[in-house]
PDB file of N, CA and C in Angstrom:
ATOM      1  N   MET A   1      15.659 -19.696  -0.629  1.00  0.00           N
ATOM      2  CA  MET A   1      15.131 -18.534   0.068  1.00  0.00           C
ATOM      3  C   MET A   1      16.127 -17.377   0.007  1.00  0.00           C
ATOM      4  N   LEU A   2      15.598 -16.204  -0.214  1.00  0.00           N
ATOM      5  CA  LEU A   2      16.439 -15.006  -0.236  1.00  0.00           C
ATOM      6  C   LEU A   2      17.142 -14.761   1.084  1.00  0.00           C
ATOM      7  N   ALA A   3      16.438 -15.028   2.179  1.00  0.00           N
ATOM      8  CA  ALA A   3      17.043 -14.791   3.495  1.00  0.00           C
ATOM      9  C   ALA A   3      18.286 -15.649   3.685  1.00  0.00           C
ATOM     10  N   GLY A   4      18.361 -16.776   2.990  1.00  0.00           N
ATOM     11  CA  GLY A   4      19.510 -17.649   3.081  1.00  0.00           C
ATOM     12  C   GLY A   4      20.781 -17.029   2.544  1.00  0.00           C
ATOM     13  N   ILE A   5      20.662 -16.005   1.737  1.00  0.00           N
ATOM     14  CA  ILE A   5      21.823 -15.279   1.225  1.00  0.00           C
ATOM     15  C   ILE A   5      22.507 -14.517   2.362  1.00  0.00           C
ATOM     16  N   PHE A   6      21.708 -14.034   3.288  1.00  0.00           N
ATOM     17  CA  PHE A   6      22.213 -13.171   4.347  1.00  0.00           C
ATOM     18  C   PHE A   6      22.485 -13.881   5.663  1.00  0.00           C
ATOM     19  N   SER A   7      21.924 -15.073   5.820  1.00  0.00           N
ATOM     20  CA  SER A   7      22.090 -15.787   7.082  1.00  0.00           C
ATOM     21  C   SER A   7      21.954 -17.289   6.854  1.00  0.00           C
ATOM     22  N   THR A   8      22.625 -18.035   7.702  1.00  0.00           N
ATOM     23  CA  THR A   8      22.456 -19.488   7.677  1.00  0.00           C
ATOM     24  C   THR A   8      21.625 -19.954   8.874  1.00  0.00           C
ATOM     25  N   ASP A   9      21.245 -19.009   9.710  1.00  0.00           N
ATOM     26  CA  ASP A   9      20.430 -19.308  10.886  1.00  0.00           C
ATOM     27  C   ASP A   9      19.015 -19.669  10.423  1.00  0.00           C
ATOM     28  N   GLU A  10      18.575 -20.868  10.741  1.00  0.00           N
ATOM     29  CA  GLU A  10      17.274 -21.351  10.287  1.00  0.00           C
ATOM     30  C   GLU A  10      16.120 -20.483  10.782  1.00  0.00           C
ATOM     31  N   ALA A  11      16.199 -19.982  11.999  1.00  0.00           N
ATOM     32  CA  ALA A  11      15.138 -19.127  12.551  1.00  0.00           C
ATOM     33  C   ALA A  11      15.049 -17.811  11.783  1.00  0.00           C
ATOM     34  N   VAL A  12      16.170 -17.248  11.409  1.00  0.00           N
ATOM     35  CA  VAL A  12      16.183 -16.002  10.634  1.00  0.00           C
ATOM     36  C   VAL A  12      15.555 -16.246   9.268  1.00  0.00           C
ATOM     37  N   ILE A  13      15.914 -17.341   8.646  1.00  0.00           N
ATOM     38  CA  ILE A  13      15.369 -17.667   7.328  1.00  0.00           C
ATOM     39  C   ILE A  13      13.859 -17.898   7.418  1.00  0.00           C
ATOM     40  N   ARG A  14      13.432 -18.613   8.442  1.00  0.00           N
ATOM     41  CA  ARG A  14      11.995 -18.858   8.634  1.00  0.00           C
ATOM     42  C   ARG A  14      11.238 -17.544   8.854  1.00  0.00           C
ATOM     43  N   ASN A  15      11.799 -16.646   9.670  1.00  0.00           N
ATOM     44  CA  ASN A  15      11.149 -15.348   9.908  1.00  0.00           C
ATOM     45  C   ASN A  15      11.135 -14.499   8.647  1.00  0.00           C
ATOM     46  N   GLY A  16      12.186 -14.551   7.867  1.00  0.00           N
ATOM     47  CA  GLY A  16      12.210 -13.833   6.597  1.00  0.00           C
ATOM     48  C   GLY A  16      11.116 -14.314   5.665  1.00  0.00           C
ATOM     49  N   PHE A  17      10.939 -15.625   5.607  1.00  0.00           N
ATOM     50  CA  PHE A  17       9.870 -16.195   4.789  1.00  0.00           C
ATOM     51  C   PHE A  17       8.501 -15.771   5.299  1.00  0.00           C
ATOM     52  N   ALA A  18       8.309 -15.788   6.605  1.00  0.00           N
ATOM     53  CA  ALA A  18       7.026 -15.401   7.195  1.00  0.00           C
ATOM     54  C   ALA A  18       6.682 -13.959   6.847  1.00  0.00           C
ATOM     55  N   TYR A  19       7.661 -13.074   6.920  1.00  0.00           N
ATOM     56  CA  TYR A  19       7.411 -11.668   6.582  1.00  0.00           C
ATOM     57  C   TYR A  19       7.084 -11.518   5.107  1.00  0.00           C
ATOM     58  N   LEU A  20       7.868 -12.152   4.247  1.00  0.00           N
ATOM     59  CA  LEU A  20       7.647 -12.026   2.806  1.00  0.00           C
ATOM     60  C   LEU A  20       6.319 -12.630   2.377  1.00  0.00           C
ATOM     61  N   LYS A  21       5.856 -13.626   3.088  1.00  0.00           N
ATOM     62  CA  LYS A  21       4.563 -14.230   2.779  1.00  0.00           C
ATOM     63  C   LYS A  21       3.445 -13.188   2.941  1.00  0.00           C
ATOM     64  N   GLY A  22       3.523 -12.370   3.955  1.00  0.00           N
ATOM     65  CA  GLY A  22       2.528 -11.316   4.161  1.00  0.00           C
ATOM     66  C   GLY A  22       2.745 -10.128   3.242  1.00  0.00           C
ATOM     67  N   PHE A  23       3.992  -9.867   2.915  1.00  0.00           N
ATOM     68  CA  PHE A  23       4.342  -8.693   2.111  1.00  0.00           C
ATOM     69  C   PHE A  23       4.180  -8.942   0.602  1.00  0.00           C
ATOM     70  N   ALA A  24       4.203 -10.186   0.160  1.00  0.00           N
ATOM     71  CA  ALA A  24       4.191 -10.525  -1.264  1.00  0.00           C
ATOM     72  C   ALA A  24       3.035  -9.901  -2.063  1.00  0.00           C
ATOM     73  N   PRO A  25       1.820  -9.853  -1.539  1.00  0.00           N
ATOM     74  CA  PRO A  25       0.738  -9.221  -2.321  1.00  0.00           C
ATOM     75  C   PRO A  25       1.032  -7.760  -2.689  1.00  0.00           C
ATOM     76  N   GLU A  26       1.941  -7.136  -1.947  1.00  0.00           N
ATOM     77  CA  GLU A  26       2.316  -5.744  -2.227  1.00  0.00           C
ATOM     78  C   GLU A  26       2.866  -5.592  -3.641  1.00  0.00           C
ATOM     79  N   THR A  27       3.534  -6.607  -4.147  1.00  0.00           N
ATOM     80  CA  THR A  27       4.118  -6.504  -5.493  1.00  0.00           C
ATOM     81  C   THR A  27       3.049  -6.313  -6.553  1.00  0.00           C
ATOM     82  N   ILE A  28       1.897  -6.901  -6.362  1.00  0.00           N
ATOM     83  CA  ILE A  28       0.803  -6.771  -7.333  1.00  0.00           C
ATOM     84  C   ILE A  28       0.129  -5.413  -7.204  1.00  0.00           C
ATOM     85  N   VAL A  29      -0.265  -5.060  -5.996  1.00  0.00           N
ATOM     86  CA  VAL A  29      -1.006  -3.811  -5.828  1.00  0.00           C
ATOM     87  C   VAL A  29      -0.127  -2.581  -6.056  1.00  0.00           C
ATOM     88  N   THR A  30       1.175  -2.709  -5.860  1.00  0.00           N
ATOM     89  CA  THR A  30       2.077  -1.585  -6.116  1.00  0.00           C
ATOM     90  C   THR A  30       2.114  -1.240  -7.598  1.00  0.00           C
ATOM     91  N   ALA A  31       2.079  -2.235  -8.453  1.00  0.00           N
ATOM     92  CA  ALA A  31       2.069  -1.961  -9.893  1.00  0.00           C
ATOM     93  C   ALA A  31       0.836  -1.152 -10.279  1.00  0.00           C
ATOM     94  N   ILE A  32      -0.298  -1.509  -9.722  1.00  0.00           N
ATOM     95  CA  ILE A  32      -1.536  -0.766  -9.991  1.00  0.00           C
ATOM     96  C   ILE A  32      -1.423   0.646  -9.429  1.00  0.00           C
ATOM     97  N   MET A  33      -0.910   0.738  -8.212  1.00  0.00           N
ATOM     98  CA  MET A  33      -0.781   2.038  -7.557  1.00  0.00           C
ATOM     99  C   MET A  33       0.144   2.967  -8.333  1.00  0.00           C
ATOM    100  N   PHE A  34       1.292   2.457  -8.796  1.00  0.00           N
ATOM    101  CA  PHE A  34       2.222   3.282  -9.555  1.00  0.00           C
ATOM    102  C   PHE A  34       1.585   3.796 -10.843  1.00  0.00           C
ATOM    103  N   SER A  35       0.760   2.992 -11.479  1.00  0.00           N
ATOM    104  CA  SER A  35       0.057   3.439 -12.683  1.00  0.00           C
ATOM    105  C   SER A  35      -0.864   4.603 -12.363  1.00  0.00           C
ATOM    106  N   MET A  36      -1.563   4.498 -11.245  1.00  0.00           N
ATOM    107  CA  MET A  36      -2.471   5.576 -10.835  1.00  0.00           C
ATOM    108  C   MET A  36      -1.696   6.841 -10.476  1.00  0.00           C
ATOM    109  N   VAL A  37      -0.616   6.688  -9.740  1.00  0.00           N
ATOM    110  CA  VAL A  37       0.208   7.831  -9.350  1.00  0.00           C
ATOM    111  C   VAL A  37       0.758   8.518 -10.608  1.00  0.00           C
ATOM    112  N   GLY A  38       1.196   7.736 -11.571  1.00  0.00           N
ATOM    113  CA  GLY A  38       1.689   8.299 -12.829  1.00  0.00           C
ATOM    114  C   GLY A  38       0.609   9.064 -13.562  1.00  0.00           C
ATOM    115  N   TYR A  39      -0.601   8.512 -13.571  1.00  0.00           N
ATOM    116  CA  TYR A  39      -1.721   9.193 -14.232  1.00  0.00           C
ATOM    117  C   TYR A  39      -1.995  10.543 -13.579  1.00  0.00           C
ATOM    118  N   PHE A  40      -2.101  10.548 -12.261  1.00  0.00           N
ATOM    119  CA  PHE A  40      -2.415  11.803 -11.570  1.00  0.00           C
ATOM    120  C   PHE A  40      -1.271  12.810 -11.661  1.00  0.00           C
ATOM    121  N   ASN A  41      -0.037  12.349 -11.549  1.00  0.00           N
ATOM    122  CA  ASN A  41       1.095  13.270 -11.714  1.00  0.00           C
ATOM    123  C   ASN A  41       1.105  13.852 -13.120  1.00  0.00           C
ATOM    124  N   GLY A  42       0.803  13.034 -14.114  1.00  0.00           N
ATOM    125  CA  GLY A  42       0.776  13.506 -15.501  1.00  0.00           C
ATOM    126  C   GLY A  42      -0.355  14.473 -15.782  1.00  0.00           C
ATOM    127  N   ASN A  43      -1.350  14.486 -14.911  1.00  0.00           N
ATOM    128  CA  ASN A  43      -2.485  15.399 -15.069  1.00  0.00           C
ATOM    129  C   ASN A  43      -2.480  16.500 -14.017  1.00  0.00           C
ATOM    130  N   ASN A  44      -1.296  16.850 -13.554  1.00  0.00           N
ATOM    131  CA  ASN A  44      -1.102  17.962 -12.614  1.00  0.00           C
ATOM    132  C   ASN A  44      -1.899  17.838 -11.320  1.00  0.00           C
ATOM    133  N   LYS A  45      -1.987  16.625 -10.811  1.00  0.00           N
ATOM    134  CA  LYS A  45      -2.663  16.393  -9.536  1.00  0.00           C
ATOM    135  C   LYS A  45      -1.664  15.884  -8.496  1.00  0.00           C
ATOM    136  N   THR A  46      -0.490  16.516  -8.477  1.00  0.00           N
ATOM    137  CA  THR A  46       0.574  16.057  -7.589  1.00  0.00           C
ATOM    138  C   THR A  46       0.253  16.271  -6.110  1.00  0.00           C
ATOM    139  N   VAL A  47      -0.537  17.280  -5.806  1.00  0.00           N
ATOM    140  CA  VAL A  47      -0.927  17.497  -4.409  1.00  0.00           C
ATOM    141  C   VAL A  47      -1.779  16.313  -3.940  1.00  0.00           C
ATOM    142  N   TRP A  48      -2.664  15.836  -4.815  1.00  0.00           N
ATOM    143  CA  TRP A  48      -3.465  14.665  -4.490  1.00  0.00           C
ATOM    144  C   TRP A  48      -2.569  13.446  -4.245  1.00  0.00           C
ATOM    145  N   VAL A  49      -1.583  13.246  -5.114  1.00  0.00           N
ATOM    146  CA  VAL A  49      -0.681  12.101  -4.983  1.00  0.00           C
ATOM    147  C   VAL A  49       0.019  12.148  -3.630  1.00  0.00           C
ATOM    148  N   MET A  50       0.475  13.325  -3.236  1.00  0.00           N
ATOM    149  CA  MET A  50       1.133  13.473  -1.948  1.00  0.00           C
ATOM    150  C   MET A  50       0.152  13.200  -0.812  1.00  0.00           C
ATOM    151  N   ALA A  51      -1.052  13.735  -0.906  1.00  0.00           N
ATOM    152  CA  ALA A  51      -2.051  13.567   0.156  1.00  0.00           C
ATOM    153  C   ALA A  51      -2.432  12.103   0.328  1.00  0.00           C
ATOM    154  N   GLN A  52      -2.715  11.422  -0.782  1.00  0.00           N
ATOM    155  CA  GLN A  52      -3.111  10.022  -0.639  1.00  0.00           C
ATOM    156  C   GLN A  52      -1.945   9.168  -0.140  1.00  0.00           C
ATOM    157  N   GLY A  53      -0.735   9.506  -0.504  1.00  0.00           N
ATOM    158  CA  GLY A  53       0.429   8.781   0.001  1.00  0.00           C
ATOM    159  C   GLY A  53       0.587   8.938   1.500  1.00  0.00           C
ATOM    160  N   LEU A  54       0.375  10.158   1.979  1.00  0.00           N
ATOM    161  CA  LEU A  54       0.448  10.402   3.421  1.00  0.00           C
ATOM    162  C   LEU A  54      -0.681   9.694   4.162  1.00  0.00           C
ATOM    163  N   ILE A  55      -1.873   9.731   3.591  1.00  0.00           N
ATOM    164  CA  ILE A  55      -3.020   9.065   4.219  1.00  0.00           C
ATOM    165  C   ILE A  55      -2.763   7.575   4.346  1.00  0.00           C
ATOM    166  N   GLN A  56      -2.361   6.972   3.227  1.00  0.00           N
ATOM    167  CA  GLN A  56      -2.203   5.517   3.279  1.00  0.00           C
ATOM    168  C   GLN A  56      -1.037   5.092   4.155  1.00  0.00           C
ATOM    169  N   THR A  57      -0.010   5.921   4.257  1.00  0.00           N
ATOM    170  CA  THR A  57       1.134   5.549   5.101  1.00  0.00           C
ATOM    171  C   THR A  57       0.898   5.874   6.571  1.00  0.00           C
ATOM    172  N   LEU A  58       0.507   7.106   6.856  1.00  0.00           N
ATOM    173  CA  LEU A  58       0.388   7.547   8.248  1.00  0.00           C
ATOM    174  C   LEU A  58      -0.891   7.088   8.936  1.00  0.00           C
ATOM    175  N   LEU A  59      -1.969   6.919   8.163  1.00  0.00           N
ATOM    176  CA  LEU A  59      -3.246   6.558   8.781  1.00  0.00           C
ATOM    177  C   LEU A  59      -3.613   5.087   8.623  1.00  0.00           C
ATOM    178  N   VAL A  60      -2.902   4.368   7.735  1.00  0.00           N
ATOM    179  CA  VAL A  60      -3.233   2.955   7.541  1.00  0.00           C
ATOM    180  C   VAL A  60      -2.020   2.052   7.805  1.00  0.00           C
ATOM    181  N   ARG A  61      -0.953   2.216   7.030  1.00  0.00           N
ATOM    182  CA  ARG A  61       0.159   1.260   7.108  1.00  0.00           C
ATOM    183  C   ARG A  61       0.845   1.236   8.475  1.00  0.00           C
ATOM    184  N   LEU A  62       1.259   2.389   8.961  1.00  0.00           N
ATOM    185  CA  LEU A  62       1.970   2.424  10.248  1.00  0.00           C
ATOM    186  C   LEU A  62       1.087   1.982  11.410  1.00  0.00           C
ATOM    187  N   PRO A  63      -0.145   2.511  11.519  1.00  0.00           N
ATOM    188  CA  PRO A  63      -0.989   2.041  12.623  1.00  0.00           C
ATOM    189  C   PRO A  63      -1.317   0.546  12.526  1.00  0.00           C
ATOM    190  N   LEU A  64      -1.575   0.056  11.316  1.00  0.00           N
ATOM    191  CA  LEU A  64      -1.905  -1.357  11.161  1.00  0.00           C
ATOM    192  C   LEU A  64      -0.713  -2.247  11.518  1.00  0.00           C
ATOM    193  N   ALA A  65       0.476  -1.869  11.081  1.00  0.00           N
ATOM    194  CA  ALA A  65       1.673  -2.644  11.435  1.00  0.00           C
ATOM    195  C   ALA A  65       1.873  -2.647  12.950  1.00  0.00           C
ATOM    196  N   TYR A  66       1.645  -1.509  13.586  1.00  0.00           N
ATOM    197  CA  TYR A  66       1.789  -1.437  15.039  1.00  0.00           C
ATOM    198  C   TYR A  66       0.759  -2.328  15.731  1.00  0.00           C
ATOM    199  N   VAL A  67      -0.499  -2.203  15.318  1.00  0.00           N
ATOM    200  CA  VAL A  67      -1.559  -3.005  15.940  1.00  0.00           C
ATOM    201  C   VAL A  67      -1.279  -4.495  15.759  1.00  0.00           C
ATOM    202  N   MET A  68      -0.853  -4.886  14.574  1.00  0.00           N
ATOM    203  CA  MET A  68      -0.553  -6.297  14.332  1.00  0.00           C
ATOM    204  C   MET A  68       0.646  -6.761  15.171  1.00  0.00           C
ATOM    205  N   SER A  69       1.583  -5.859  15.442  1.00  0.00           N
ATOM    206  CA  SER A  69       2.775  -6.243  16.203  1.00  0.00           C
ATOM    207  C   SER A  69       2.510  -6.426  17.693  1.00  0.00           C
ATOM    208  N   ILE A  70       1.452  -5.824  18.209  1.00  0.00           N
ATOM    209  CA  ILE A  70       1.175  -5.941  19.644  1.00  0.00           C
ATOM    210  C   ILE A  70       0.108  -6.997  19.956  1.00  0.00           C
ATOM    211  N   GLN A  71      -0.379  -7.696  18.956  1.00  0.00           N
ATOM    212  CA  GLN A  71      -1.355  -8.758  19.179  1.00  0.00           C
ATOM    213  C   GLN A  71      -0.690  -9.934  19.889  1.00  0.00           C
ATOM    214  N   PRO A  72      -1.439 -10.655  20.705  1.00  0.00           N
ATOM    215  CA  PRO A  72      -0.866 -11.805  21.408  1.00  0.00           C
ATOM    216  C   PRO A  72      -0.285 -12.855  20.445  1.00  0.00           C
ATOM    217  N   ASN A  73      -0.899 -13.028  19.302  1.00  0.00           N
ATOM    218  CA  ASN A  73      -0.407 -14.003  18.325  1.00  0.00           C
ATOM    219  C   ASN A  73       0.288 -13.300  17.156  1.00  0.00           C
ATOM    220  N   ALA A  74       1.033 -12.255  17.469  1.00  0.00           N
ATOM    221  CA  ALA A  74       1.706 -11.466  16.429  1.00  0.00           C
ATOM    222  C   ALA A  74       2.634 -12.345  15.611  1.00  0.00           C
ATOM    223  N   SER A  75       2.651 -12.057  14.310  1.00  0.00           N
ATOM    224  CA  SER A  75       3.568 -12.779  13.429  1.00  0.00           C
ATOM    225  C   SER A  75       4.062 -11.807  12.365  1.00  0.00           C
ATOM    226  N   LEU A  76       5.205 -12.110  11.817  1.00  0.00           N
ATOM    227  CA  LEU A  76       5.745 -11.263  10.756  1.00  0.00           C
ATOM    228  C   LEU A  76       4.864 -11.297   9.517  1.00  0.00           C
ATOM    229  N   THR A  77       4.153 -12.406   9.302  1.00  0.00           N
ATOM    230  CA  THR A  77       3.225 -12.482   8.172  1.00  0.00           C
ATOM    231  C   THR A  77       2.136 -11.425   8.321  1.00  0.00           C
ATOM    232  N   LYS A  78       1.548 -11.354   9.501  1.00  0.00           N
ATOM    233  CA  LYS A  78       0.470 -10.380   9.738  1.00  0.00           C
ATOM    234  C   LYS A  78       0.998  -8.949   9.704  1.00  0.00           C
ATOM    235  N   ILE A  79       2.163  -8.723  10.258  1.00  0.00           N
ATOM    236  CA  ILE A  79       2.757  -7.378  10.213  1.00  0.00           C
ATOM    237  C   ILE A  79       3.044  -6.991   8.767  1.00  0.00           C
ATOM    238  N   GLY A  80       3.544  -7.926   7.979  1.00  0.00           N
ATOM    239  CA  GLY A  80       3.830  -7.665   6.565  1.00  0.00           C
ATOM    240  C   GLY A  80       2.601  -7.334   5.752  1.00  0.00           C
ATOM    241  N   LEU A  81       1.438  -7.800   6.183  1.00  0.00           N
ATOM    242  CA  LEU A  81       0.197  -7.495   5.454  1.00  0.00           C
ATOM    243  C   LEU A  81      -0.185  -6.020   5.515  1.00  0.00           C
ATOM    244  N   ALA A  82       0.403  -5.272   6.429  1.00  0.00           N
ATOM    245  CA  ALA A  82       0.091  -3.842   6.528  1.00  0.00           C
ATOM    246  C   ALA A  82       0.426  -3.120   5.226  1.00  0.00           C
ATOM    247  N   ALA A  83       1.467  -3.536   4.539  1.00  0.00           N
ATOM    248  CA  ALA A  83       1.872  -2.868   3.297  1.00  0.00           C
ATOM    249  C   ALA A  83       0.843  -3.037   2.185  1.00  0.00           C
ATOM    250  N   PRO A  84       0.439  -4.269   1.819  1.00  0.00           N
ATOM    251  CA  PRO A  84      -0.551  -4.383   0.747  1.00  0.00           C
ATOM    252  C   PRO A  84      -1.925  -3.834   1.127  1.00  0.00           C
ATOM    253  N   VAL A  85      -2.277  -3.920   2.403  1.00  0.00           N
ATOM    254  CA  VAL A  85      -3.568  -3.365   2.828  1.00  0.00           C
ATOM    255  C   VAL A  85      -3.561  -1.850   2.641  1.00  0.00           C
ATOM    256  N   SER A  86      -2.483  -1.179   3.038  1.00  0.00           N
ATOM    257  CA  SER A  86      -2.432   0.275   2.890  1.00  0.00           C
ATOM    258  C   SER A  86      -2.393   0.677   1.418  1.00  0.00           C
ATOM    259  N   THR A  87      -1.721  -0.104   0.585  1.00  0.00           N
ATOM    260  CA  THR A  87      -1.694   0.204  -0.843  1.00  0.00           C
ATOM    261  C   THR A  87      -3.072   0.000  -1.451  1.00  0.00           C
ATOM    262  N   ALA A  88      -3.790  -1.031  -1.011  1.00  0.00           N
ATOM    263  CA  ALA A  88      -5.159  -1.236  -1.489  1.00  0.00           C
ATOM    264  C   ALA A  88      -6.054  -0.056  -1.101  1.00  0.00           C
ATOM    265  N   VAL A  89      -5.855   0.472   0.095  1.00  0.00           N
ATOM    266  CA  VAL A  89      -6.605   1.665   0.520  1.00  0.00           C
ATOM    267  C   VAL A  89      -6.244   2.837  -0.398  1.00  0.00           C
ATOM    268  N   GLY A  90      -4.961   2.982  -0.739  1.00  0.00           N
ATOM    269  CA  GLY A  90      -4.544   4.035  -1.670  1.00  0.00           C
ATOM    270  C   GLY A  90      -5.216   3.881  -3.028  1.00  0.00           C
ATOM    271  N   ILE A  91      -5.350   2.652  -3.517  1.00  0.00           N
ATOM    272  CA  ILE A  91      -6.031   2.402  -4.791  1.00  0.00           C
ATOM    273  C   ILE A  91      -7.483   2.816  -4.701  1.00  0.00           C
ATOM    274  N   ILE A  92      -8.140   2.471  -3.602  1.00  0.00           N
ATOM    275  CA  ILE A  92      -9.540   2.865  -3.409  1.00  0.00           C
ATOM    276  C   ILE A  92      -9.666   4.381  -3.374  1.00  0.00           C
ATOM    277  N   LEU A  93      -8.762   5.048  -2.677  1.00  0.00           N
ATOM    278  CA  LEU A  93      -8.780   6.520  -2.642  1.00  0.00           C
ATOM    279  C   LEU A  93      -8.607   7.097  -4.044  1.00  0.00           C
ATOM    280  N   ASN A  94      -7.681   6.530  -4.816  1.00  0.00           N
ATOM    281  CA  ASN A  94      -7.430   7.033  -6.167  1.00  0.00           C
ATOM    282  C   ASN A  94      -8.619   6.805  -7.093  1.00  0.00           C
ATOM    283  N   VAL A  95      -9.259   5.668  -6.987  1.00  0.00           N
ATOM    284  CA  VAL A  95     -10.453   5.412  -7.804  1.00  0.00           C
ATOM    285  C   VAL A  95     -11.541   6.422  -7.433  1.00  0.00           C
ATOM    286  N   GLY A  96     -11.717   6.651  -6.141  1.00  0.00           N
ATOM    287  CA  GLY A  96     -12.700   7.643  -5.701  1.00  0.00           C
ATOM    288  C   GLY A  96     -12.382   9.036  -6.216  1.00  0.00           C
ATOM    289  N   PHE A  97     -11.119   9.422  -6.175  1.00  0.00           N
ATOM    290  CA  PHE A  97     -10.720  10.742  -6.661  1.00  0.00           C
ATOM    291  C   PHE A  97     -10.913  10.844  -8.171  1.00  0.00           C
ATOM    292  N   TYR A  98     -10.594   9.768  -8.893  1.00  0.00           N
ATOM    293  CA  TYR A  98     -10.789   9.743 -10.342  1.00  0.00           C
ATOM    294  C   TYR A  98     -12.275   9.919 -10.681  1.00  0.00           C
ATOM    295  N   LEU A  99     -13.143   9.203  -9.975  1.00  0.00           N
ATOM    296  CA  LEU A  99     -14.584   9.334 -10.211  1.00  0.00           C
ATOM    297  C   LEU A  99     -15.061  10.744  -9.879  1.00  0.00           C
ATOM    298  N   TYR A 100     -14.552  11.304  -8.803  1.00  0.00           N
ATOM    299  CA  TYR A 100     -14.890  12.675  -8.421  1.00  0.00           C
ATOM    300  C   TYR A 100     -14.501  13.659  -9.526  1.00  0.00           C
ATOM    301  N   LEU A 101     -13.286  13.519 -10.050  1.00  0.00           N
ATOM    302  CA  LEU A 101     -12.834  14.419 -11.121  1.00  0.00           C
ATOM    303  C   LEU A 101     -13.682  14.270 -12.375  1.00  0.00           C
ATOM    304  N   ASN A 102     -14.040  13.038 -12.723  1.00  0.00           N
ATOM    305  CA  ASN A 102     -14.888  12.829 -13.909  1.00  0.00           C
ATOM    306  C   ASN A 102     -16.269  13.438 -13.718  1.00  0.00           C
ATOM    307  N   ARG A 103     -16.844  13.266 -12.536  1.00  0.00           N
ATOM    308  CA  ARG A 103     -18.161  13.841 -12.254  1.00  0.00           C
ATOM    309  C   ARG A 103     -18.091  15.363 -12.317  1.00  0.00           C
ATOM    310  N   LYS A 104     -17.031  15.915 -11.760  1.00  0.00           N
ATOM    311  CA  LYS A 104     -16.840  17.366 -11.763  1.00  0.00           C
ATOM    312  C   LYS A 104     -16.683  17.872 -13.200  1.00  0.00           C
ATOM    313  N   GLU A 105     -15.934  17.147 -14.009  1.00  0.00           N
ATOM    314  CA  GLU A 105     -15.717  17.550 -15.406  1.00  0.00           C
ATOM    315  C   GLU A 105     -17.018  17.483 -16.191  1.00  0.00           C
ATOM    316  N   ARG A 106     -17.806  16.420 -15.992  1.00  0.00           N
ATOM    317  CA  ARG A 106     -19.093  16.304 -16.698  1.00  0.00           C
ATOM    318  C   ARG A 106     -20.061  17.401 -16.278  1.00  0.00           C
ATOM    319  N   ALA A 107     -20.054  17.753 -15.009  1.00  0.00           N
ATOM    320  CA  ALA A 107     -20.925  18.829 -14.511  1.00  0.00           C
ATOM    321  C   ALA A 107     -20.498  20.157 -15.119  1.00  0.00           C
ATOM    322  N   GLY A 108     -19.203  20.360 -15.288  1.00  0.00           N
ATOM    323  CA  GLY A 108     -18.693  21.598 -15.897  1.00  0.00           C
ATOM    324  C   GLY A 108     -19.086  21.712 -17.357  1.00  0.00           C
ATOM    325  N   LYS A 109     -19.069  20.606 -18.083  1.00  0.00           N
ATOM    326  CA  LYS A 109     -19.467  20.600 -19.503  1.00  0.00           C
ATOM    327  C   LYS A 109     -20.958  20.797 -19.667  1.00  0.00           C
ATOM    328  N   ALA A 110     -21.746  20.299 -18.717  1.00  0.00           N
ATOM    329  CA  ALA A 110     -23.196  20.418 -18.810  1.00  0.00           C
ATOM    330  C   ALA A 110     -23.661  21.842 -18.504  1.00  0.00           C
ATOM    331  N   ALA A 111     -22.870  22.575 -17.761  1.00  0.00           N
ATOM    332  CA  ALA A 111     -23.268  23.937 -17.355  1.00  0.00           C
ATOM    333  C   ALA A 111     -23.057  24.959 -18.416  1.00  0.00           C
TER     334      ALA A 111
END
């Protein structure tokens, strides 16, 4: 366990594992998200990238982590899930924005 590098306390190591168990899906969705962010930045849509980043962090990740932390059965696993859930919301926002731009472009060509 990685937490074992920093502590020999079994409870600390167990809590580190519990958090990483919830946070681990973030590694997959982050790769997808970074690809989308790169695409939009490369196409001069940096304001969109900033907006969706703020939305997913301020309106999803932070509130979800807080709500999960105040639950009676709160666990670091559930709190850690706030990260991949917010990134998944960012992916959904980016797909929606991409579809919007394509529809707008097709409408412009048809006119």
